[in-house]
Amino acid sequence: MMLNMCLCLKARILIYFSWLFQFCALLLLGHQGTAAGEPLIFRPDSHRLTVQTSYYDSKANFDPVDGTFVGLDSGKYLRALGVGVKWDQISSKRSAWRFGLNAVQAESFDGSFVRKRSAVSDVFLGYQFFWIAKPIKLKPEFIVNVPVESVDPATDEVLLGDGVTVAHAVMWAQAKWLSLDHTAYLGAAYRTGGLSSLVEFSIGSKKEFEGFDIGAEVVGFESVTDDEFTATPAQRTTVTNRVNAGSLKYYAVNPSLISANVFFGLQMTEALGFRLGYGMDVQGKNFGKGSTIYLNLEWDLSTTGDEFTKSRRQGQQAADVDKFTVEATEYDENLFREEKPKPMRSKNKKPKKSVDQLINEAEDSLEK
């Protein structure tokens, strides 16, 4: 009895913590990038809420020519505190929708003045499809980010993003090898407003343990078309120098970037988990160089409230069984299709005799 009361109390504390975390995250008004997100596990009629928070700090830019980085002058900096709210709706074992919004609180210091502003930066809508199960899982995804406001070249306020519509087309790939889960994607991003289009990529691995996982990934993008101001980049840098302390994090001409991330995930209950990570920009051109700390809270709303009263071990076992069932359906549906039974030949039925055999038997009987 006492044990059950303690488990109920702990479960309620976790629930209240999750509500408080999401409420505070929404008030922070930060920013999460426009990357495609992550591949989904296709469990029909399930849904999940994810709150993604991040803190970005940059005091340097990658050079547009050789990729070396140069620090911003006179203690200048750009910082962005962000939140993204994402809803995943898995409508069937083959298709899923995702939508949400990103917001940002940006602050820049140009050596004399501090500019600071908070607002919703963009909304997005996406669709992911489970295509192939073997030899690796392939899941195409299409997602469109629409800005709340565009960039005004005459603005005197810090920029919160590129201010353009971005259409992503991505192919996710998943495989398990050497007890590690490997994930990668390759895609393209078309950007309006005269900005260059991008090729996006990522590759990462993680190791799952009982109730938690650790992993690392490399993500990046490369410009594959020219910005409309490639020959006159000052038309963009004049804006970023004035309001973003010279940082090229947003509104840059033909940017490219490679970042390295490490992360730790913890499944606190069957329904609630979080992921803590750190990312560092290691290589790029014509883009801001910085570091990012992020904390994501994932809440599986398909579970019932009663499941919070279970012990952690019981909840983990139930989750493992559920994952096993989902993975089985994702791997190969043909394994569960009943084959048509082949007609069975009766053991007592004598084989039919040929015409020659019948003639020979008739001759033998006449001779007798």
Protein backbone atom coordinates (compact mmCIF):
# COMPACT_ATOMS: atom_id res chain seq x y z
CA MET A 1 0.00 0.00 0.00
CA MET A 2 2.75 2.41 1.01
CA LEU A 3 4.73 1.50 -2.14
CA ASN A 4 1.75 2.24 -4.39
CA MET A 5 1.25 5.63 -2.70
CA CYS A 6 4.91 6.54 -3.32
CA LEU A 7 4.70 5.49 -6.96
CA CYS A 8 1.55 7.57 -7.45
CA LEU A 9 3.21 10.59 -5.83
CA LYS A 10 6.28 10.28 -8.04
CA ALA A 11 4.13 9.92 -11.14
CA ARG A 12 2.15 13.05 -10.29
CA ILE A 13 5.35 15.01 -9.69
CA LEU A 14 6.58 13.99 -13.16
CA ILE A 15 3.28 15.05 -14.73
CA TYR A 16 3.34 18.43 -12.99
CA PHE A 17 7.00 18.86 -14.01
CA SER A 18 6.13 18.21 -17.65
CA TRP A 19 3.29 20.76 -17.58
CA LEU A 20 5.53 23.35 -15.89
CA PHE A 21 8.34 22.70 -18.37
CA GLN A 22 6.08 23.18 -21.39
CA PHE A 23 4.51 26.32 -19.92
CA CYS A 24 7.92 27.87 -19.22
CA ALA A 25 9.25 26.84 -22.61
CA LEU A 26 6.36 28.58 -24.36
CA LEU A 27 7.07 31.75 -22.38
CA LEU A 28 10.74 31.72 -23.33
CA LEU A 29 9.92 32.24 -27.02
CA GLY A 30 13.10 30.81 -28.44
CA HIS A 31 14.01 29.22 -31.77
CA GLN A 32 14.45 25.82 -33.28
CA GLY A 33 15.90 25.44 -36.75
CA THR A 34 14.06 24.35 -39.87
CA ALA A 35 15.68 20.93 -40.18
CA ALA A 36 13.37 18.05 -41.05
CA GLY A 37 13.19 16.72 -37.47
CA GLU A 38 13.44 12.94 -37.07
CA PRO A 39 12.01 9.74 -38.50
CA LEU A 40 8.84 8.51 -36.86
CA ILE A 41 7.84 5.09 -35.56
CA PHE A 42 4.62 4.31 -37.40
CA ARG A 43 2.19 3.14 -34.74
CA PRO A 44 -1.32 3.75 -36.14
CA ASP A 45 -3.68 6.16 -34.39
CA SER A 46 -1.00 7.57 -32.10
CA HIS A 47 0.12 11.14 -31.50
CA ARG A 48 3.00 12.88 -29.78
CA LEU A 49 3.76 16.40 -28.56
CA THR A 50 7.35 17.63 -28.60
CA VAL A 51 8.62 20.87 -27.08
CA GLN A 52 12.07 21.72 -28.43
CA THR A 53 14.11 24.38 -26.64
CA SER A 54 17.56 25.65 -27.57
CA TYR A 55 20.11 28.30 -26.68
CA TYR A 56 22.46 29.53 -29.42
CA ASP A 57 25.53 31.73 -28.83
CA SER A 58 27.77 33.11 -31.58
CA LYS A 59 30.73 35.50 -31.52
CA ALA A 60 32.30 34.61 -34.89
CA ASN A 61 31.58 33.96 -38.58
CA PHE A 62 32.94 31.47 -41.07
CA ASP A 63 34.83 33.18 -43.89
CA PRO A 64 33.03 33.09 -47.28
CA VAL A 65 36.17 31.88 -49.12
CA ASP A 66 38.34 29.41 -47.21
CA GLY A 67 36.06 28.36 -44.37
CA THR A 68 38.22 29.71 -41.54
CA PHE A 69 36.37 31.66 -38.87
CA VAL A 70 36.79 35.26 -37.82
CA GLY A 71 35.61 36.67 -34.50
CA LEU A 72 33.16 39.54 -34.35
CA ASP A 73 34.75 42.87 -33.40
CA SER A 74 34.59 44.69 -30.07
CA GLY A 75 32.84 42.00 -28.06
CA LYS A 76 29.90 41.75 -30.46
CA TYR A 77 27.62 38.75 -30.21
CA LEU A 78 24.33 37.21 -31.31
CA ARG A 79 22.28 35.00 -28.99
CA ALA A 80 19.02 33.21 -29.63
CA LEU A 81 16.83 31.46 -27.08
CA GLY A 82 14.21 29.33 -28.75
CA VAL A 83 11.28 26.97 -28.55
CA GLY A 84 9.53 24.86 -31.12
CA VAL A 85 6.20 23.13 -30.48
CA LYS A 86 5.59 20.11 -32.73
CA TRP A 87 2.62 17.76 -33.01
CA ASP A 88 3.02 14.36 -34.70
CA GLN A 89 -0.14 12.54 -35.77
CA ILE A 90 0.46 8.98 -37.06
CA SER A 91 -2.71 8.32 -39.02
CA SER A 92 -1.79 4.82 -40.27
CA LYS A 93 1.10 2.36 -40.42
CA ARG A 94 2.30 4.11 -43.59
CA SER A 95 1.62 7.83 -43.17
CA ALA A 96 1.96 10.60 -40.58
CA TRP A 97 1.41 14.34 -40.35
CA ARG A 98 3.39 16.82 -38.31
CA PHE A 99 2.80 20.51 -37.71
CA GLY A 100 3.75 23.22 -35.26
CA LEU A 101 5.50 26.54 -34.81
CA ASN A 102 8.90 28.00 -33.95
CA ALA A 103 9.56 31.15 -31.98
CA VAL A 104 12.70 33.06 -31.08
CA GLN A 105 14.03 35.56 -28.60
CA ALA A 106 17.15 37.06 -30.18
CA GLU A 107 19.65 39.46 -28.70
CA SER A 108 22.55 41.21 -30.44
CA PHE A 109 25.25 43.58 -29.21
CA ASP A 110 27.01 45.71 -31.83
CA GLY A 111 29.57 47.23 -29.45
CA SER A 112 27.33 50.13 -28.49
CA PHE A 113 23.70 49.01 -28.35
CA VAL A 114 21.84 45.87 -27.34
CA ARG A 115 18.91 44.90 -29.54
CA LYS A 116 16.44 42.35 -28.24
CA ARG A 117 13.16 41.04 -29.60
CA SER A 118 10.79 38.07 -29.15
CA ALA A 119 8.21 36.74 -31.61
CA VAL A 120 6.94 33.66 -33.41
CA SER A 121 9.26 33.21 -36.38
CA ASP A 122 7.48 30.59 -38.51
CA VAL A 123 4.88 27.83 -38.68
CA PHE A 124 5.32 24.50 -40.45
CA LEU A 125 3.40 21.57 -41.87
CA GLY A 126 4.91 18.23 -42.86
CA TYR A 127 4.09 14.74 -44.09
CA GLN A 128 6.19 11.58 -43.58
CA PHE A 129 5.67 8.29 -45.41
CA PHE A 130 6.95 4.81 -44.59
CA TRP A 131 8.16 3.50 -47.95
CA ILE A 132 10.58 0.53 -47.73
CA ALA A 133 11.46 -1.82 -44.86
CA LYS A 134 14.36 -3.89 -46.26
CA PRO A 135 17.31 -3.94 -46.37
CA ILE A 136 17.03 -0.56 -44.59
CA LYS A 137 14.03 1.52 -43.67
CA LEU A 138 13.35 4.45 -45.99
CA LYS A 139 10.94 7.20 -44.99
CA PRO A 140 10.44 10.20 -47.28
CA GLU A 141 9.38 13.46 -45.67
CA PHE A 142 8.07 16.75 -47.03
CA ILE A 143 7.83 19.83 -44.83
CA VAL A 144 7.17 23.52 -45.48
CA ASN A 145 8.16 26.36 -43.14
CA VAL A 146 6.25 29.61 -43.62
CA PRO A 147 7.60 32.78 -41.93
CA VAL A 148 5.38 35.03 -39.87
CA GLU A 149 7.24 38.07 -41.21
CA SER A 150 9.80 38.77 -43.93
CA VAL A 151 13.03 40.71 -43.54
CA ASP A 152 12.73 44.46 -44.07
CA PRO A 153 16.07 45.76 -45.43
CA ALA A 154 15.47 49.04 -43.58
CA THR A 155 14.71 47.41 -40.22
CA ASP A 156 16.45 48.47 -37.03
CA GLU A 157 15.35 45.37 -35.08
CA VAL A 158 17.34 42.18 -34.58
CA LEU A 159 16.49 39.47 -37.12
CA LEU A 160 14.71 36.32 -35.93
CA GLY A 161 15.34 34.26 -39.06
CA ASP A 162 15.74 34.39 -42.83
CA GLY A 163 12.16 35.55 -43.27
CA VAL A 164 11.45 33.31 -46.29
CA THR A 165 9.36 30.23 -47.06
CA VAL A 166 11.41 27.02 -47.09
CA ALA A 167 10.24 23.75 -48.70
CA HIS A 168 12.12 20.60 -47.62
CA ALA A 169 12.15 17.21 -49.35
CA VAL A 170 14.09 14.63 -47.32
CA MET A 171 14.75 10.90 -47.44
CA TRP A 172 15.30 9.29 -44.03
CA ALA A 173 17.22 6.01 -43.72
CA GLN A 174 17.38 3.77 -40.65
CA ALA A 175 19.34 0.61 -39.90
CA LYS A 176 20.60 -1.39 -36.92
CA TRP A 177 24.21 -2.59 -37.03
CA LEU A 178 26.68 -3.68 -34.31
CA SER A 179 24.02 -3.11 -31.60
CA LEU A 180 23.74 0.56 -32.62
CA ASP A 181 20.80 2.37 -34.20
CA HIS A 182 21.95 4.37 -37.23
CA THR A 183 19.96 7.20 -38.80
CA ALA A 184 20.73 9.40 -41.79
CA TYR A 185 18.94 11.73 -44.15
CA LEU A 186 19.66 13.47 -47.42
CA GLY A 187 17.43 16.16 -48.84
CA ALA A 188 16.99 19.51 -50.51
CA ALA A 189 15.59 22.83 -49.29
CA TYR A 190 14.17 25.39 -51.69
CA ARG A 191 14.17 28.91 -50.23
CA THR A 192 12.20 31.83 -51.62
CA GLY A 193 13.16 35.51 -51.42
CA GLY A 194 16.18 35.11 -53.67
CA LEU A 195 18.16 33.05 -51.14
CA SER A 196 20.20 30.06 -52.30
CA SER A 197 18.72 26.55 -52.28
CA LEU A 198 20.40 23.96 -50.06
CA VAL A 199 21.35 20.30 -49.91
CA GLU A 200 20.80 19.05 -46.36
CA PHE A 201 22.37 15.98 -44.77
CA SER A 202 22.76 14.17 -41.48
CA ILE A 203 24.25 10.95 -40.17
CA GLY A 204 24.18 9.73 -36.59
CA SER A 205 24.20 6.73 -34.27
CA LYS A 206 22.90 6.00 -30.81
CA LYS A 207 23.12 3.21 -28.26
CA GLU A 208 20.00 2.28 -26.32
CA PHE A 209 20.11 1.05 -22.73
CA GLU A 210 17.32 0.30 -20.28
CA GLY A 211 15.46 3.58 -19.95
CA PHE A 212 18.01 5.86 -21.65
CA ASP A 213 20.20 6.30 -24.72
CA ILE A 214 23.30 8.21 -25.80
CA GLY A 215 24.39 9.19 -29.29
CA ALA A 216 26.13 11.56 -31.66
CA GLU A 217 25.44 12.97 -35.11
CA VAL A 218 26.85 15.21 -37.82
CA VAL A 219 24.43 17.55 -39.57
CA GLY A 220 24.90 20.21 -42.21
CA PHE A 221 23.88 21.90 -45.43
CA GLU A 222 25.50 23.26 -48.60
CA SER A 223 24.30 25.94 -51.01
CA VAL A 224 23.73 24.49 -54.49
CA THR A 225 22.28 27.57 -56.21
CA ASP A 226 23.42 31.19 -56.13
CA ASP A 227 21.82 33.86 -54.03
CA GLU A 228 20.35 36.73 -56.06
CA PHE A 229 22.93 39.01 -54.37
CA THR A 230 25.94 36.73 -54.95
CA ALA A 231 27.69 39.51 -56.91
CA THR A 232 26.62 42.20 -54.40
CA PRO A 233 26.57 40.55 -50.94
CA ALA A 234 26.65 43.96 -49.26
CA GLN A 235 22.91 44.22 -49.86
CA ARG A 236 22.47 41.55 -47.20
CA THR A 237 25.50 42.20 -44.95
CA THR A 238 24.47 45.85 -44.58
CA VAL A 239 21.37 44.60 -42.77
CA THR A 240 23.11 41.97 -40.64
CA ASN A 241 25.93 44.35 -39.71
CA ARG A 242 23.40 46.93 -38.52
CA VAL A 243 21.01 44.77 -36.49
CA ASN A 244 22.69 41.37 -35.85
CA ALA A 245 26.13 42.63 -34.78
CA GLY A 246 27.60 41.35 -38.04
CA SER A 247 26.61 37.72 -37.38
CA LEU A 248 25.70 35.69 -40.48
CA LYS A 249 23.45 33.26 -38.64
CA TYR A 250 20.48 34.59 -40.66
CA TYR A 251 20.04 36.22 -44.08
CA ALA A 252 23.48 35.12 -45.38
CA VAL A 253 24.60 34.80 -49.01
CA ASN A 254 25.33 31.21 -50.15
CA PRO A 255 25.95 29.73 -46.68
CA SER A 256 27.20 26.25 -45.81
CA LEU A 257 27.68 24.54 -42.46
CA ILE A 258 28.73 21.31 -40.73
CA SER A 259 27.90 20.80 -37.05
CA ALA A 260 28.67 18.00 -34.60
CA ASN A 261 26.13 17.10 -31.90
CA VAL A 262 26.11 14.78 -28.90
CA PHE A 263 22.98 13.94 -26.92
CA PHE A 264 21.59 12.01 -23.98
CA GLY A 265 17.98 10.80 -23.80
CA LEU A 266 16.05 9.60 -20.75
CA GLN A 267 12.65 7.86 -20.75
CA MET A 268 11.21 8.90 -17.38
CA THR A 269 7.88 7.12 -17.88
CA GLU A 270 6.22 5.25 -20.69
CA ALA A 271 4.72 8.51 -21.94
CA LEU A 272 7.32 11.13 -20.97
CA GLY A 273 10.95 11.49 -22.01
CA PHE A 274 13.51 14.20 -22.63
CA ARG A 275 16.69 14.70 -24.62
CA LEU A 276 19.60 16.94 -23.67
CA GLY A 277 22.20 17.79 -26.30
CA TYR A 278 25.10 20.01 -27.25
CA GLY A 279 26.07 21.07 -30.77
CA MET A 280 29.14 22.86 -32.09
CA ASP A 281 29.67 24.36 -35.56
CA VAL A 282 32.94 22.94 -36.88
CA GLN A 283 33.11 23.93 -40.55
CA GLY A 284 31.30 26.30 -42.87
CA LYS A 285 31.32 29.27 -45.21
CA ASN A 286 29.54 32.60 -45.02
CA PHE A 287 27.62 31.58 -41.91
CA GLY A 288 27.69 32.23 -38.17
CA LYS A 289 29.93 30.03 -36.03
CA GLY A 290 28.52 29.18 -32.64
CA SER A 291 27.40 26.53 -30.21
CA THR A 292 23.93 25.30 -29.22
CA ILE A 293 22.54 23.69 -26.10
CA TYR A 294 19.14 22.09 -26.53
CA LEU A 295 16.59 20.31 -24.35
CA ASN A 296 13.62 18.51 -25.92
CA LEU A 297 10.63 17.18 -24.03
CA GLU A 298 8.65 14.40 -25.75
CA TRP A 299 5.20 13.47 -24.54
CA ASP A 300 3.39 10.46 -26.01
CA LEU A 301 -0.28 11.40 -25.69
CA SER A 302 -1.46 7.96 -26.84
CA THR A 303 -0.93 6.50 -23.37
CA THR A 304 -3.51 6.72 -20.58
CA GLY A 305 -3.13 8.38 -17.22
CA ASP A 306 -3.28 5.04 -15.40
CA GLU A 307 0.01 4.02 -16.96
CA PHE A 308 1.82 6.66 -14.89
CA THR A 309 1.10 4.64 -11.75
CA LYS A 310 3.08 1.65 -12.95
CA SER A 311 6.59 1.07 -11.77
CA ARG A 312 9.41 2.15 -14.04
CA ARG A 313 10.32 -1.42 -14.84
CA GLN A 314 6.76 -2.39 -15.71
CA GLY A 315 6.40 0.68 -17.89
CA GLN A 316 9.66 -0.06 -19.67
CA GLN A 317 8.62 -3.66 -20.32
CA ALA A 318 5.31 -2.51 -21.79
CA ALA A 319 7.13 -0.01 -23.99
CA ASP A 320 9.54 -2.69 -25.17
CA VAL A 321 6.66 -5.00 -26.12
CA ASP A 322 4.92 -2.16 -27.94
CA LYS A 323 8.09 -1.22 -29.83
CA PHE A 324 8.64 -4.83 -30.79
CA THR A 325 5.14 -5.03 -32.25
CA VAL A 326 5.60 -1.81 -34.23
CA GLU A 327 9.01 -2.77 -35.56
CA ALA A 328 7.66 -6.15 -36.68
CA THR A 329 4.98 -4.48 -38.81
CA GLU A 330 7.48 -2.00 -40.19
CA TYR A 331 10.02 -4.56 -41.29
CA ASP A 332 8.04 -6.81 -43.64
CA GLU A 333 4.29 -7.04 -43.97
CA ASN A 334 4.62 -10.14 -46.18
CA LEU A 335 5.62 -12.12 -43.09
CA PHE A 336 2.08 -11.75 -41.80
CA ARG A 337 0.22 -12.61 -45.01
CA GLU A 338 -1.34 -16.05 -45.04
CA GLU A 339 -0.26 -18.10 -48.02
CA LYS A 340 -2.87 -20.03 -49.98
CA PRO A 341 -2.77 -23.73 -48.97
CA LYS A 342 -1.51 -26.09 -51.63
CA PRO A 343 -3.77 -29.07 -52.47
CA MET A 344 -2.66 -32.18 -50.59
CA ARG A 345 -2.42 -35.52 -52.33
CA SER A 346 -4.17 -38.34 -50.54
CA LYS A 347 -1.82 -41.01 -49.25
CA ASN A 348 -4.33 -43.83 -49.94
CA LYS A 349 -5.02 -42.78 -53.48
CA LYS A 350 -3.27 -45.07 -55.96
CA PRO A 351 -1.35 -43.45 -58.81
CA LYS A 352 -3.03 -43.60 -62.18
CA LYS A 353 -1.73 -46.30 -64.57
CA SER A 354 -0.56 -45.45 -68.04
CA VAL A 355 -2.15 -46.88 -71.22
CA ASP A 356 0.83 -49.20 -71.85
CA GLN A 357 0.53 -50.65 -68.36
CA LEU A 358 -3.17 -51.40 -68.87
CA ILE A 359 -2.47 -53.15 -72.23
CA ASN A 360 0.29 -55.29 -70.73
CA GLU A 361 -1.96 -56.36 -67.83
CA ALA A 362 -4.74 -57.31 -70.28
CA GLU A 363 -2.35 -59.45 -72.39
CA ASP A 364 -1.06 -61.22 -69.27
CA SER A 365 -4.58 -62.10 -68.17
CA LEU A 366 -5.46 -63.51 -71.66
CA GLU A 367 -2.34 -65.69 -71.71
CA LYS A 368 -3.32 -67.19 -68.39
